[in-house]
Amino acid sequence: MKKILIRADDLGFSRGINLGIADSVRAGLIQSVGLMPNMENAQEGVEMIKDYGVCLGQHTNICAGRPLSDPKLIPSLVQENGEFKTSKEYRENFGNGNDIVDVNEAVIEIEAQYQEFKKLTGEKPHYFEGHAIASMNFMKALSIVAQKHDLKMFPVGFDAKPMQYADKLLRMTIDSMGPDYDPYASLKKLVMDEDESVIDIFVAHPGYLDAYILKVSSLTVNRTKEVEMLTDPEMIRWINNQKVELITYDEL
């Protein structure tokens, strides 16, 4: 049977995002959720979904909000005001051949977020990855922390090509940044793919828009489109009638 993992990123990003993820989790399709441990609304997000048995992962973030470690220890990651550099700044530098992330500094912050994740949830992350920025050094630092604590770190891909994880082939789909994004069509395409040799991971960013998200995130309206799709009774009924198995990271 075809296996699909539907994941929600950005728990804790803001109250609006938390509410959108909570609604999506309650509807039943979302069973894996990535928490941003450094954000002010992280604890609230955990409380909203704690009774639904979701598979919680660490969605490590170094491009929004403030770090959990001392900004003086991680100058390559922060602005003068002590907040993280923006994803745009990482992206523009990387595009010019300059990876501005210092691996050792990133390890300091990732470790701090890992410890905070355990405080917020009472357990280790069920999976471990990063809020996407353009930096290979960030990926190296994530790998270092993952190995240190024996965490399940999964490969990241954005070109729809299958990636090897242990004895499995995983294929990640993140279509939400597209201007004409149709989450119904994107998810249905994966469901209808009959290739059982590949496990598809549908990465969603469900959420409602509040002032903070409108200020700091380039991903806005498409978040609300995903909440609509993930809570639509007709869509849920359609998926449940297909020959697919919805799984979590615990089952990989």
Protein backbone atom coordinates (compact mmCIF):
# COMPACT_ATOMS: atom_id res chain seq x y z
CA MET A 1 0.00 0.00 0.00
CA LYS A 2 1.19 3.52 -0.80
CA LYS A 3 2.50 5.35 2.28
CA ILE A 4 2.27 9.12 2.76
CA LEU A 5 3.51 11.29 5.61
CA ILE A 6 1.74 14.65 6.00
CA ARG A 7 3.71 17.05 8.15
CA ALA A 8 3.01 20.53 9.52
CA ASP A 9 5.92 22.90 10.10
CA ASP A 10 6.29 26.05 12.22
CA LEU A 11 4.46 25.26 15.49
CA GLY A 12 5.26 28.15 17.83
CA PHE A 13 5.92 30.69 15.05
CA SER A 14 2.95 32.81 16.16
CA ARG A 15 -0.47 32.47 17.78
CA GLY A 16 -2.16 32.47 14.37
CA ILE A 17 0.09 29.67 13.16
CA ASN A 18 -0.56 27.67 16.33
CA LEU A 19 -4.31 27.97 15.87
CA GLY A 20 -4.13 26.87 12.24
CA ILE A 21 -1.95 23.86 13.07
CA ALA A 22 -4.21 22.91 15.99
CA ASP A 23 -7.28 22.97 13.76
CA SER A 24 -5.45 20.86 11.17
CA VAL A 25 -4.29 18.34 13.77
CA ARG A 26 -7.80 17.97 15.18
CA ALA A 27 -9.13 17.20 11.68
CA GLY A 28 -6.91 14.13 11.54
CA LEU A 29 -4.65 14.31 8.47
CA ILE A 30 -1.71 15.97 10.25
CA GLN A 31 0.06 13.51 12.53
CA SER A 32 3.63 14.90 12.49
CA VAL A 33 4.36 18.48 13.62
CA GLY A 34 7.62 20.45 13.71
CA LEU A 35 8.14 22.74 16.71
CA MET A 36 10.26 25.92 16.60
CA PRO A 37 11.63 25.84 20.18
CA ASN A 38 13.00 29.39 20.26
CA MET A 39 9.77 31.21 19.48
CA GLU A 40 7.72 33.00 22.14
CA ASN A 41 4.58 31.03 21.24
CA ALA A 42 6.27 27.62 21.38
CA GLN A 43 4.85 26.60 24.77
CA GLU A 44 1.36 27.68 23.73
CA GLY A 45 1.64 25.61 20.56
CA VAL A 46 2.65 22.49 22.47
CA GLU A 47 -0.27 22.95 24.86
CA MET A 48 -2.74 23.25 21.98
CA ILE A 49 -1.92 19.86 20.49
CA LYS A 50 -0.57 17.88 23.44
CA ASP A 51 -3.67 15.68 23.76
CA TYR A 52 -3.72 14.50 20.13
CA GLY A 53 -0.77 12.12 20.19
CA VAL A 54 1.09 13.75 17.31
CA CYS A 55 4.66 12.90 16.41
CA LEU A 56 6.56 16.04 17.47
CA GLY A 57 9.83 16.96 15.81
CA GLN A 58 12.33 19.78 16.23
CA HIS A 59 11.98 22.31 13.42
CA THR A 60 15.24 24.09 14.24
CA ASN A 61 15.05 27.77 13.42
CA ILE A 62 17.85 30.32 12.91
CA CYS A 63 16.03 32.93 10.82
CA ALA A 64 13.09 34.17 12.92
CA GLY A 65 12.82 35.58 16.41
CA ARG A 66 15.64 35.59 18.96
CA PRO A 67 18.16 32.85 19.70
CA LEU A 68 18.12 30.84 22.89
CA SER A 69 21.89 31.06 23.24
CA ASP A 70 23.86 34.23 23.98
CA PRO A 71 23.93 36.34 20.77
CA LYS A 72 27.55 37.23 21.55
CA LEU A 73 28.47 33.56 21.04
CA ILE A 74 26.83 33.30 17.61
CA PRO A 75 27.62 36.50 15.66
CA SER A 76 27.29 34.80 12.27
CA LEU A 77 23.61 34.10 12.97
CA VAL A 78 22.33 37.37 14.42
CA GLN A 79 21.66 40.96 13.50
CA GLU A 80 22.85 43.93 15.56
CA ASN A 81 19.54 43.93 17.47
CA GLY A 82 20.18 40.38 18.68
CA GLU A 83 17.53 38.77 16.50
CA PHE A 84 18.33 36.13 13.92
CA LYS A 85 19.35 37.15 10.45
CA THR A 86 16.54 36.78 7.95
CA SER A 87 16.18 33.91 5.49
CA LYS A 88 16.61 36.52 2.74
CA GLU A 89 20.05 37.47 4.05
CA TYR A 90 21.18 33.84 4.19
CA ARG A 91 19.75 33.23 0.71
CA GLU A 92 21.34 36.26 -0.94
CA ASN A 93 24.76 35.49 0.51
CA PHE A 94 24.55 31.82 -0.43
CA GLY A 95 23.58 32.80 -3.95
CA ASN A 96 26.80 34.80 -4.15
CA GLY A 97 28.83 31.79 -3.02
CA ASN A 98 29.08 32.87 0.62
CA ASP A 99 27.75 30.56 3.33
CA ILE A 100 27.62 33.01 6.24
CA VAL A 101 26.75 30.40 8.89
CA ASP A 102 29.62 29.40 11.16
CA VAL A 103 29.25 25.68 11.87
CA ASN A 104 30.46 25.87 15.48
CA GLU A 105 28.19 28.80 16.27
CA ALA A 106 25.23 27.01 14.70
CA VAL A 107 25.94 23.96 16.87
CA ILE A 108 25.70 26.16 19.98
CA GLU A 109 22.24 27.44 19.02
CA ILE A 110 20.94 24.09 17.76
CA GLU A 111 22.00 22.48 21.03
CA ALA A 112 20.20 25.21 22.98
CA GLN A 113 17.03 24.63 20.96
CA TYR A 114 17.30 20.87 21.50
CA GLN A 115 17.46 21.36 25.27
CA GLU A 116 14.50 23.76 25.11
CA PHE A 117 12.51 21.25 23.05
CA LYS A 118 12.95 18.69 25.82
CA LYS A 119 11.84 21.21 28.45
CA LEU A 120 8.74 22.15 26.46
CA THR A 121 7.66 18.62 25.56
CA GLY A 122 9.20 16.37 28.20
CA GLU A 123 10.82 14.17 25.55
CA LYS A 124 13.38 14.04 22.75
CA PRO A 125 12.27 15.06 19.26
CA HIS A 126 10.74 12.20 17.30
CA TYR A 127 12.44 13.66 14.25
CA PHE A 128 15.04 16.38 13.77
CA GLU A 129 15.44 18.90 10.93
CA GLY A 130 15.74 22.58 10.17
CA HIS A 131 13.58 25.52 9.15
CA ALA A 132 14.89 25.89 5.61
CA ILE A 133 17.60 28.44 4.92
CA ALA A 134 20.27 28.45 2.22
CA SER A 135 23.27 27.06 4.10
CA MET A 136 25.17 23.80 3.89
CA ASN A 137 26.95 24.74 7.12
CA PHE A 138 23.59 24.78 8.90
CA MET A 139 22.97 21.23 7.67
CA LYS A 140 26.42 20.18 8.91
CA ALA A 141 25.70 21.64 12.34
CA LEU A 142 22.34 19.88 12.51
CA SER A 143 24.07 16.61 11.69
CA ILE A 144 26.63 17.14 14.46
CA VAL A 145 23.94 17.68 17.09
CA ALA A 146 21.85 14.81 15.75
CA GLN A 147 24.76 12.41 16.02
CA LYS A 148 25.65 13.63 19.51
CA HIS A 149 22.17 12.91 20.86
CA ASP A 150 21.24 9.98 18.59
CA LEU A 151 18.39 11.88 16.92
CA LYS A 152 16.55 10.86 13.76
CA MET A 153 17.69 13.44 11.20
CA PHE A 154 16.10 13.09 7.79
CA PRO A 155 17.46 14.21 4.41
CA VAL A 156 16.09 17.40 2.91
CA GLY A 157 15.26 17.77 -0.75
CA PHE A 158 13.40 20.35 -2.80
CA ASP A 159 13.61 18.90 -6.31
CA ALA A 160 11.09 16.04 -5.93
CA LYS A 161 13.83 13.43 -6.32
CA PRO A 162 13.74 10.43 -3.95
CA MET A 163 16.30 10.47 -1.13
CA GLN A 164 17.73 7.46 0.68
CA TYR A 165 17.04 7.06 4.40
CA ALA A 166 18.18 3.71 5.80
CA ASP A 167 16.43 1.16 3.58
CA LYS A 168 13.69 3.55 2.44
CA LEU A 169 13.26 6.04 -0.37
CA LEU A 170 11.70 9.32 0.73
CA ARG A 171 10.40 12.08 -1.54
CA MET A 172 9.66 15.51 -0.12
CA THR A 173 7.05 17.84 -1.60
CA ILE A 174 6.92 21.53 -0.60
CA ASP A 175 4.79 23.42 -3.11
CA SER A 176 3.44 26.15 -0.85
CA MET A 177 5.78 28.93 -2.01
CA GLY A 178 4.28 28.89 -5.50
CA PRO A 179 2.06 31.87 -6.43
CA ASP A 180 -0.71 29.68 -7.87
CA TYR A 181 -0.50 27.02 -5.20
CA ASP A 182 -3.40 24.59 -4.98
CA PRO A 183 -2.92 22.36 -1.92
CA TYR A 184 -5.78 20.09 -2.98
CA ALA A 185 -4.09 19.33 -6.29
CA SER A 186 -0.64 18.91 -4.70
CA LEU A 187 -1.77 16.37 -2.11
CA LYS A 188 -4.06 14.51 -4.51
CA LYS A 189 -1.15 14.10 -6.91
CA LEU A 190 0.83 12.27 -4.22
CA VAL A 191 -2.13 10.15 -3.18
CA MET A 192 -2.76 9.05 -6.76
CA ASP A 193 0.89 8.13 -7.36
CA GLU A 194 0.94 4.33 -7.25
CA ASP A 195 4.70 3.95 -6.77
CA GLU A 196 4.83 2.06 -3.46
CA SER A 197 8.63 2.01 -3.45
CA VAL A 198 8.70 5.71 -2.49
CA ILE A 199 7.28 7.22 0.71
CA ASP A 200 5.99 10.71 -0.03
CA ILE A 201 6.37 13.45 2.58
CA PHE A 202 3.94 16.31 2.08
CA VAL A 203 5.30 19.34 3.96
CA ALA A 204 2.55 21.78 4.89
CA HIS A 205 2.64 25.11 6.69
CA PRO A 206 -0.95 25.52 7.88
CA GLY A 207 -1.76 28.64 9.83
CA TYR A 208 -3.90 31.73 10.19
CA LEU A 209 -2.46 35.16 9.50
CA ASP A 210 -1.72 37.56 12.32
CA ALA A 211 0.28 40.78 12.44
CA TYR A 212 3.56 39.04 13.27
CA ILE A 213 3.39 36.57 10.39
CA LEU A 214 2.45 39.33 7.95
CA LYS A 215 5.50 41.26 9.15
CA VAL A 216 8.17 38.54 9.11
CA SER A 217 7.09 35.77 6.72
CA SER A 218 6.91 35.67 2.93
CA LEU A 219 4.58 32.68 3.19
CA THR A 220 1.14 34.08 4.02
CA VAL A 221 -2.09 33.34 2.13
CA ASN A 222 -1.02 29.84 1.16
CA ARG A 223 -0.90 28.94 4.85
CA THR A 224 -4.62 29.58 5.11
CA LYS A 225 -5.26 27.59 1.93
CA GLU A 226 -3.59 24.62 3.58
CA VAL A 227 -5.74 24.89 6.70
CA GLU A 228 -8.81 24.90 4.49
CA MET A 229 -7.66 21.78 2.63
CA LEU A 230 -6.46 19.87 5.69
CA THR A 231 -9.73 20.46 7.57
CA ASP A 232 -12.07 19.94 4.62
CA PRO A 233 -14.36 16.96 5.45
CA GLU A 234 -14.72 16.12 1.76
CA MET A 235 -10.94 16.01 1.27
CA ILE A 236 -10.47 13.92 4.40
CA ARG A 237 -13.17 11.52 3.27
CA TRP A 238 -11.62 11.26 -0.21
CA ILE A 239 -8.16 10.44 1.17
CA ASN A 240 -9.58 7.86 3.57
CA ASN A 241 -11.23 6.13 0.62
CA GLN A 242 -7.97 5.79 -1.30
CA LYS A 243 -5.50 2.92 -1.06
CA VAL A 244 -2.96 4.86 1.02
CA GLU A 245 -1.61 4.61 4.54
CA LEU A 246 -0.95 7.83 6.46
CA ILE A 247 2.14 7.39 8.61
CA THR A 248 4.35 9.42 10.99
CA TYR A 249 8.10 9.77 11.37
CA ASP A 250 7.94 7.13 14.11
CA GLU A 251 7.09 4.62 11.40
CA LEU A 252 10.09 5.41 9.19
